[in-house]
């Protein structure tokens, strides 16, 4: 699957444009993913561009899981 097709697929399923994806990816590059404040901001940024509400309980679970195990290769494994 080509990169443009992947972006088209993401956009069709979550209405997230390529620029937003690159912005989030850029913010992750040098981020300290063991820092709870950084993780919470990242989760909020992603939920905002995806137009999805992340309840506090889920945010807490995601933060703890990422702090302990890192970011999984398959983000779907977080849920």
PDB file of N, CA and C in Angstrom:
ATOM      1  N   UNK A   1       0.858  -1.170   0.000  1.00  0.00           N
ATOM      2  CA  UNK A   1       0.000   0.000   0.000  1.00  0.00           C
ATOM      3  C   UNK A   1       0.904   1.233   0.000  1.00  0.00           C
ATOM      4  N   UNK A   2       0.666   2.154  -0.937  1.00  0.00           N
ATOM      5  CA  UNK A   2       1.460   3.367  -1.021  1.00  0.00           C
ATOM      6  C   UNK A   2       1.125   4.349   0.087  1.00  0.00           C
ATOM      7  N   UNK A   3       2.059   5.250   0.339  1.00  0.00           N
ATOM      8  CA  UNK A   3       1.892   6.223   1.418  1.00  0.00           C
ATOM      9  C   UNK A   3       0.669   7.107   1.202  1.00  0.00           C
ATOM     10  N   UNK A   4       0.450   7.565  -0.027  1.00  0.00           N
ATOM     11  CA  UNK A   4      -0.722   8.406  -0.294  1.00  0.00           C
ATOM     12  C   UNK A   4      -2.011   7.645  -0.041  1.00  0.00           C
ATOM     13  N   UNK A   5      -2.009   6.374  -0.375  1.00  0.00           N
ATOM     14  CA  UNK A   5      -3.211   5.563  -0.142  1.00  0.00           C
ATOM     15  C   UNK A   5      -3.474   5.401   1.360  1.00  0.00           C
ATOM     16  N   UNK A   6      -2.396   5.264   2.130  1.00  0.00           N
ATOM     17  CA  UNK A   6      -2.544   5.161   3.587  1.00  0.00           C
ATOM     18  C   UNK A   6      -3.160   6.440   4.139  1.00  0.00           C
ATOM     19  N   UNK A   7      -2.646   7.591   3.689  1.00  0.00           N
ATOM     20  CA  UNK A   7      -3.202   8.867   4.148  1.00  0.00           C
ATOM     21  C   UNK A   7      -4.658   9.019   3.724  1.00  0.00           C
ATOM     22  N   UNK A   8      -4.981   8.594   2.503  1.00  0.00           N
ATOM     23  CA  UNK A   8      -6.368   8.656   2.038  1.00  0.00           C
ATOM     24  C   UNK A   8      -7.267   7.780   2.901  1.00  0.00           C
ATOM     25  N   UNK A   9      -6.762   6.607   3.270  1.00  0.00           N
ATOM     26  CA  UNK A   9      -7.528   5.676   4.113  1.00  0.00           C
ATOM     27  C   UNK A   9      -7.779   6.283   5.497  1.00  0.00           C
ATOM     28  N   UNK A  10      -6.738   6.868   6.077  1.00  0.00           N
ATOM     29  CA  UNK A  10      -6.883   7.515   7.388  1.00  0.00           C
ATOM     30  C   UNK A  10      -7.883   8.650   7.293  1.00  0.00           C
ATOM     31  N   UNK A  11      -7.770   9.449   6.237  1.00  0.00           N
ATOM     32  CA  UNK A  11      -8.664  10.585   6.067  1.00  0.00           C
ATOM     33  C   UNK A  11     -10.106  10.135   5.899  1.00  0.00           C
ATOM     34  N   UNK A  12     -10.335   9.059   5.160  1.00  0.00           N
ATOM     35  CA  UNK A  12     -11.706   8.603   4.936  1.00  0.00           C
ATOM     36  C   UNK A  12     -12.328   8.016   6.199  1.00  0.00           C
ATOM     37  N   UNK A  13     -11.512   7.387   7.043  1.00  0.00           N
ATOM     38  CA  UNK A  13     -12.044   6.756   8.251  1.00  0.00           C
ATOM     39  C   UNK A  13     -12.115   7.695   9.441  1.00  0.00           C
ATOM     40  N   UNK A  14     -11.184   8.636   9.522  1.00  0.00           N
ATOM     41  CA  UNK A  14     -11.129   9.488  10.712  1.00  0.00           C
ATOM     42  C   UNK A  14     -11.156  10.974  10.381  1.00  0.00           C
ATOM     43  N   UNK A  15     -11.264  11.311   9.110  1.00  0.00           N
ATOM     44  CA  UNK A  15     -11.268  12.714   8.678  1.00  0.00           C
ATOM     45  C   UNK A  15     -10.069  13.480   9.221  1.00  0.00           C
ATOM     46  N   UNK A  16      -8.909  12.852   9.174  1.00  0.00           N
ATOM     47  CA  UNK A  16      -7.665  13.480   9.624  1.00  0.00           C
ATOM     48  C   UNK A  16      -6.801  13.711   8.391  1.00  0.00           C
ATOM     49  N   UNK A  17      -6.413  14.967   8.168  1.00  0.00           N
ATOM     50  CA  UNK A  17      -5.623  15.263   6.978  1.00  0.00           C
ATOM     51  C   UNK A  17      -4.140  14.979   7.195  1.00  0.00           C
ATOM     52  N   UNK A  18      -3.425  14.893   6.087  1.00  0.00           N
ATOM     53  CA  UNK A  18      -2.007  14.548   6.098  1.00  0.00           C
ATOM     54  C   UNK A  18      -1.190  15.535   6.928  1.00  0.00           C
ATOM     55  N   UNK A  19      -1.501  16.815   6.828  1.00  0.00           N
ATOM     56  CA  UNK A  19      -0.754  17.830   7.575  1.00  0.00           C
ATOM     57  C   UNK A  19      -0.877  17.616   9.082  1.00  0.00           C
ATOM     58  N   UNK A  20      -2.064  17.255   9.537  1.00  0.00           N
ATOM     59  CA  UNK A  20      -2.272  17.000  10.970  1.00  0.00           C
ATOM     60  C   UNK A  20      -1.469  15.789  11.433  1.00  0.00           C
ATOM     61  N   UNK A  21      -1.408  14.781  10.591  1.00  0.00           N
ATOM     62  CA  UNK A  21      -0.637  13.581  10.929  1.00  0.00           C
ATOM     63  C   UNK A  21       0.840  13.929  11.057  1.00  0.00           C
ATOM     64  N   UNK A  22       1.344  14.710  10.105  1.00  0.00           N
ATOM     65  CA  UNK A  22       2.754  15.112  10.159  1.00  0.00           C
ATOM     66  C   UNK A  22       3.036  15.995  11.363  1.00  0.00           C
ATOM     67  N   UNK A  23       2.094  16.842  11.716  1.00  0.00           N
ATOM     68  CA  UNK A  23       2.269  17.718  12.884  1.00  0.00           C
ATOM     69  C   UNK A  23       2.403  16.880  14.158  1.00  0.00           C
ATOM     70  N   UNK A  24       1.541  15.888  14.313  1.00  0.00           N
ATOM     71  CA  UNK A  24       1.606  15.004  15.479  1.00  0.00           C
ATOM     72  C   UNK A  24       2.913  14.206  15.454  1.00  0.00           C
ATOM     73  N   UNK A  25       3.263  13.662  14.300  1.00  0.00           N
ATOM     74  CA  UNK A  25       4.505  12.886  14.186  1.00  0.00           C
ATOM     75  C   UNK A  25       5.708  13.744  14.545  1.00  0.00           C
ATOM     76  N   UNK A  26       5.699  14.991  14.105  1.00  0.00           N
ATOM     77  CA  UNK A  26       6.788  15.918  14.420  1.00  0.00           C
ATOM     78  C   UNK A  26       6.890  16.162  15.924  1.00  0.00           C
ATOM     79  N   UNK A  27       5.739  16.279  16.576  1.00  0.00           N
ATOM     80  CA  UNK A  27       5.741  16.556  18.014  1.00  0.00           C
ATOM     81  C   UNK A  27       6.248  15.359  18.819  1.00  0.00           C
ATOM     82  N   UNK A  28       6.152  14.168  18.255  1.00  0.00           N
ATOM     83  CA  UNK A  28       6.576  12.951  18.944  1.00  0.00           C
ATOM     84  C   UNK A  28       8.084  12.724  18.828  1.00  0.00           C
ATOM     85  N   UNK A  29       8.682  13.215  17.743  1.00  0.00           N
ATOM     86  CA  UNK A  29      10.092  12.922  17.445  1.00  0.00           C
ATOM     87  C   UNK A  29      11.014  13.028  18.650  1.00  0.00           C
ATOM     88  N   UNK A  30      10.992  14.147  19.329  1.00  0.00           N
ATOM     89  CA  UNK A  30      11.902  14.361  20.451  1.00  0.00           C
ATOM     90  C   UNK A  30      11.179  14.391  21.797  1.00  0.00           C
ATOM     91  N   UNK A  31       9.960  13.882  21.808  1.00  0.00           N
ATOM     92  CA  UNK A  31       9.165  13.918  23.037  1.00  0.00           C
ATOM     93  C   UNK A  31       9.635  12.854  24.024  1.00  0.00           C
ATOM     94  N   UNK A  32       9.575  13.194  25.292  1.00  0.00           N
ATOM     95  CA  UNK A  32       9.882  12.245  26.360  1.00  0.00           C
ATOM     96  C   UNK A  32       8.595  11.489  26.684  1.00  0.00           C
ATOM     97  N   UNK A  33       8.459  10.303  26.125  1.00  0.00           N
ATOM     98  CA  UNK A  33       7.224   9.548  26.300  1.00  0.00           C
ATOM     99  C   UNK A  33       7.134   8.858  27.657  1.00  0.00           C
ATOM    100  N   UNK A  34       8.076   9.140  28.538  1.00  0.00           N
ATOM    101  CA  UNK A  34       7.976   8.675  29.922  1.00  0.00           C
ATOM    102  C   UNK A  34       7.428   9.788  30.815  1.00  0.00           C
ATOM    103  N   UNK A  35       7.274  10.983  30.242  1.00  0.00           N
ATOM    104  CA  UNK A  35       6.768  12.144  30.973  1.00  0.00           C
ATOM    105  C   UNK A  35       5.244  12.179  30.860  1.00  0.00           C
ATOM    106  N   UNK A  36       4.573  12.044  31.988  1.00  0.00           N
ATOM    107  CA  UNK A  36       3.114  11.968  32.002  1.00  0.00           C
ATOM    108  C   UNK A  36       2.465  13.190  31.366  1.00  0.00           C
ATOM    109  N   UNK A  37       2.992  14.365  31.637  1.00  0.00           N
ATOM    110  CA  UNK A  37       2.423  15.599  31.088  1.00  0.00           C
ATOM    111  C   UNK A  37       2.510  15.597  29.557  1.00  0.00           C
ATOM    112  N   UNK A  38       3.636  15.161  29.030  1.00  0.00           N
ATOM    113  CA  UNK A  38       3.836  15.083  27.577  1.00  0.00           C
ATOM    114  C   UNK A  38       2.860  14.077  26.968  1.00  0.00           C
ATOM    115  N   UNK A  39       2.719  12.925  27.599  1.00  0.00           N
ATOM    116  CA  UNK A  39       1.801  11.900  27.099  1.00  0.00           C
ATOM    117  C   UNK A  39       0.359  12.386  27.096  1.00  0.00           C
ATOM    118  N   UNK A  40      -0.051  13.019  28.165  1.00  0.00           N
ATOM    119  CA  UNK A  40      -1.433  13.519  28.233  1.00  0.00           C
ATOM    120  C   UNK A  40      -1.692  14.549  27.136  1.00  0.00           C
ATOM    121  N   UNK A  41      -0.728  15.429  26.897  1.00  0.00           N
ATOM    122  CA  UNK A  41      -0.901  16.432  25.848  1.00  0.00           C
ATOM    123  C   UNK A  41      -0.979  15.765  24.480  1.00  0.00           C
ATOM    124  N   UNK A  42      -0.145  14.768  24.257  1.00  0.00           N
ATOM    125  CA  UNK A  42      -0.163  14.040  22.991  1.00  0.00           C
ATOM    126  C   UNK A  42      -1.508  13.343  22.778  1.00  0.00           C
ATOM    127  N   UNK A  43      -2.018  12.689  23.804  1.00  0.00           N
ATOM    128  CA  UNK A  43      -3.315  12.012  23.714  1.00  0.00           C
ATOM    129  C   UNK A  43      -4.409  13.021  23.404  1.00  0.00           C
ATOM    130  N   UNK A  44      -4.378  14.164  24.046  1.00  0.00           N
ATOM    131  CA  UNK A  44      -5.384  15.205  23.797  1.00  0.00           C
ATOM    132  C   UNK A  44      -5.272  15.758  22.381  1.00  0.00           C
ATOM    133  N   UNK A  45      -4.037  15.952  21.907  1.00  0.00           N
ATOM    134  CA  UNK A  45      -3.837  16.458  20.544  1.00  0.00           C
ATOM    135  C   UNK A  45      -4.379  15.473  19.508  1.00  0.00           C
ATOM    136  N   UNK A  46      -4.066  14.202  19.700  1.00  0.00           N
ATOM    137  CA  UNK A  46      -4.535  13.180  18.759  1.00  0.00           C
ATOM    138  C   UNK A  46      -6.055  13.075  18.804  1.00  0.00           C
ATOM    139  N   UNK A  47      -6.630  13.082  19.991  1.00  0.00           N
ATOM    140  CA  UNK A  47      -8.089  12.978  20.087  1.00  0.00           C
ATOM    141  C   UNK A  47      -8.767  14.193  19.463  1.00  0.00           C
ATOM    142  N   UNK A  48      -8.132  15.342  19.572  1.00  0.00           N
ATOM    143  CA  UNK A  48      -8.702  16.565  18.989  1.00  0.00           C
ATOM    144  C   UNK A  48      -8.720  16.490  17.464  1.00  0.00           C
ATOM    145  N   UNK A  49      -7.591  16.095  16.852  1.00  0.00           N
ATOM    146  CA  UNK A  49      -7.584  16.048  15.386  1.00  0.00           C
ATOM    147  C   UNK A  49      -8.457  14.920  14.851  1.00  0.00           C
ATOM    148  N   UNK A  50      -8.634  13.861  15.652  1.00  0.00           N
ATOM    149  CA  UNK A  50      -9.493  12.749  15.243  1.00  0.00           C
ATOM    150  C   UNK A  50     -10.952  13.008  15.599  1.00  0.00           C
ATOM    151  N   UNK A  51     -11.195  14.115  16.302  1.00  0.00           N
ATOM    152  CA  UNK A  51     -12.545  14.479  16.729  1.00  0.00           C
ATOM    153  C   UNK A  51     -13.194  13.359  17.550  1.00  0.00           C
ATOM    154  N   UNK A  52     -12.393  12.803  18.457  1.00  0.00           N
ATOM    155  CA  UNK A  52     -12.863  11.721  19.333  1.00  0.00           C
ATOM    156  C   UNK A  52     -12.658  12.122  20.788  1.00  0.00           C
ATOM    157  N   UNK A  53     -13.644  11.856  21.598  1.00  0.00           N
ATOM    158  CA  UNK A  53     -13.539  12.132  23.024  1.00  0.00           C
ATOM    159  C   UNK A  53     -12.802  10.975  23.704  1.00  0.00           C
ATOM    160  N   UNK A  54     -11.827  11.318  24.535  1.00  0.00           N
ATOM    161  CA  UNK A  54     -11.116  10.303  25.313  1.00  0.00           C
ATOM    162  C   UNK A  54     -11.443  10.553  26.782  1.00  0.00           C
ATOM    163  N   UNK A  55     -12.257   9.681  27.378  1.00  0.00           N
ATOM    164  CA  UNK A  55     -12.603   9.856  28.790  1.00  0.00           C
ATOM    165  C   UNK A  55     -11.357   9.805  29.676  1.00  0.00           C
ATOM    166  N   UNK A  56     -11.423  10.438  30.825  1.00  0.00           N
ATOM    167  CA  UNK A  56     -10.306  10.523  31.766  1.00  0.00           C
ATOM    168  C   UNK A  56      -9.775   9.134  32.118  1.00  0.00           C
ATOM    169  N   UNK A  57     -10.668   8.181  32.323  1.00  0.00           N
ATOM    170  CA  UNK A  57     -10.252   6.831  32.691  1.00  0.00           C
ATOM    171  C   UNK A  57      -9.405   6.201  31.588  1.00  0.00           C
ATOM    172  N   UNK A  58      -9.816   6.394  30.335  1.00  0.00           N
ATOM    173  CA  UNK A  58      -9.058   5.848  29.212  1.00  0.00           C
ATOM    174  C   UNK A  58      -7.726   6.572  29.070  1.00  0.00           C
ATOM    175  N   UNK A  59      -7.733   7.887  29.242  1.00  0.00           N
ATOM    176  CA  UNK A  59      -6.484   8.654  29.182  1.00  0.00           C
ATOM    177  C   UNK A  59      -5.504   8.144  30.238  1.00  0.00           C
ATOM    178  N   UNK A  60      -6.000   7.936  31.457  1.00  0.00           N
ATOM    179  CA  UNK A  60      -5.149   7.412  32.538  1.00  0.00           C
ATOM    180  C   UNK A  60      -4.552   6.057  32.158  1.00  0.00           C
ATOM    181  N   UNK A  61      -5.386   5.189  31.612  1.00  0.00           N
ATOM    182  CA  UNK A  61      -4.942   3.847  31.220  1.00  0.00           C
ATOM    183  C   UNK A  61      -3.884   3.936  30.118  1.00  0.00           C
ATOM    184  N   UNK A  62      -4.123   4.778  29.122  1.00  0.00           N
ATOM    185  CA  UNK A  62      -3.168   4.937  28.024  1.00  0.00           C
ATOM    186  C   UNK A  62      -1.832   5.468  28.523  1.00  0.00           C
ATOM    187  N   UNK A  63      -1.880   6.462  29.400  1.00  0.00           N
ATOM    188  CA  UNK A  63      -0.651   7.053  29.943  1.00  0.00           C
ATOM    189  C   UNK A  63       0.159   5.991  30.674  1.00  0.00           C
ATOM    190  N   UNK A  64      -0.473   5.248  31.551  1.00  0.00           N
ATOM    191  CA  UNK A  64       0.242   4.224  32.320  1.00  0.00           C
ATOM    192  C   UNK A  64       0.813   3.139  31.419  1.00  0.00           C
ATOM    193  N   UNK A  65       0.016   2.711  30.448  1.00  0.00           N
ATOM    194  CA  UNK A  65       0.465   1.647  29.559  1.00  0.00           C
ATOM    195  C   UNK A  65       1.651   2.104  28.711  1.00  0.00           C
ATOM    196  N   UNK A  66       1.610   3.330  28.187  1.00  0.00           N
ATOM    197  CA  UNK A  66       2.712   3.836  27.366  1.00  0.00           C
ATOM    198  C   UNK A  66       3.951   4.067  28.219  1.00  0.00           C
ATOM    199  N   UNK A  67       3.775   4.564  29.441  1.00  0.00           N
ATOM    200  CA  UNK A  67       4.927   4.770  30.326  1.00  0.00           C
ATOM    201  C   UNK A  67       5.620   3.446  30.643  1.00  0.00           C
ATOM    202  N   UNK A  68       4.842   2.399  30.833  1.00  0.00           N
ATOM    203  CA  UNK A  68       5.403   1.095  31.191  1.00  0.00           C
ATOM    204  C   UNK A  68       5.990   0.352  29.994  1.00  0.00           C
ATOM    205  N   UNK A  69       5.237   0.332  28.891  1.00  0.00           N
ATOM    206  CA  UNK A  69       5.591  -0.530  27.762  1.00  0.00           C
ATOM    207  C   UNK A  69       6.075   0.212  26.522  1.00  0.00           C
ATOM    208  N   UNK A  70       6.003   1.535  26.526  1.00  0.00           N
ATOM    209  CA  UNK A  70       6.317   2.290  25.315  1.00  0.00           C
ATOM    210  C   UNK A  70       5.133   2.272  24.363  1.00  0.00           C
ATOM    211  N   UNK A  71       5.303   2.898  23.228  1.00  0.00           N
ATOM    212  CA  UNK A  71       4.237   2.947  22.229  1.00  0.00           C
ATOM    213  C   UNK A  71       4.311   1.669  21.399  1.00  0.00           C
ATOM    214  N   UNK A  72       3.215   0.912  21.349  1.00  0.00           N
ATOM    215  CA  UNK A  72       3.244  -0.325  20.567  1.00  0.00           C
ATOM    216  C   UNK A  72       3.306  -0.030  19.071  1.00  0.00           C
ATOM    217  N   UNK A  73       3.841  -0.972  18.311  1.00  0.00           N
ATOM    218  CA  UNK A  73       3.889  -0.806  16.854  1.00  0.00           C
ATOM    219  C   UNK A  73       2.489  -0.718  16.282  1.00  0.00           C
ATOM    220  N   UNK A  74       1.569  -1.475  16.860  1.00  0.00           N
ATOM    221  CA  UNK A  74       0.176  -1.434  16.442  1.00  0.00           C
ATOM    222  C   UNK A  74      -0.596  -0.663  17.509  1.00  0.00           C
ATOM    223  N   UNK A  75      -0.951   0.580  17.205  1.00  0.00           N
ATOM    224  CA  UNK A  75      -1.641   1.434  18.172  1.00  0.00           C
ATOM    225  C   UNK A  75      -2.944   0.787  18.644  1.00  0.00           C
ATOM    226  N   UNK A  76      -3.552  -0.033  17.801  1.00  0.00           N
ATOM    227  CA  UNK A  76      -4.777  -0.719  18.179  1.00  0.00           C
ATOM    228  C   UNK A  76      -4.600  -1.614  19.396  1.00  0.00           C
ATOM    229  N   UNK A  77      -3.364  -2.010  19.680  1.00  0.00           N
ATOM    230  CA  UNK A  77      -3.091  -2.845  20.852  1.00  0.00           C
ATOM    231  C   UNK A  77      -3.318  -2.102  22.161  1.00  0.00           C
ATOM    232  N   UNK A  78      -3.401  -0.771  22.104  1.00  0.00           N
ATOM    233  CA  UNK A  78      -3.634   0.009  23.322  1.00  0.00           C
ATOM    234  C   UNK A  78      -5.072  -0.123  23.816  1.00  0.00           C
ATOM    235  N   UNK A  79      -5.986  -0.533  22.942  1.00  0.00           N
ATOM    236  CA  UNK A  79      -7.401  -0.532  23.306  1.00  0.00           C
ATOM    237  C   UNK A  79      -7.926  -1.910  23.561  1.00  0.00           C
TER     238      UNK A  79
END
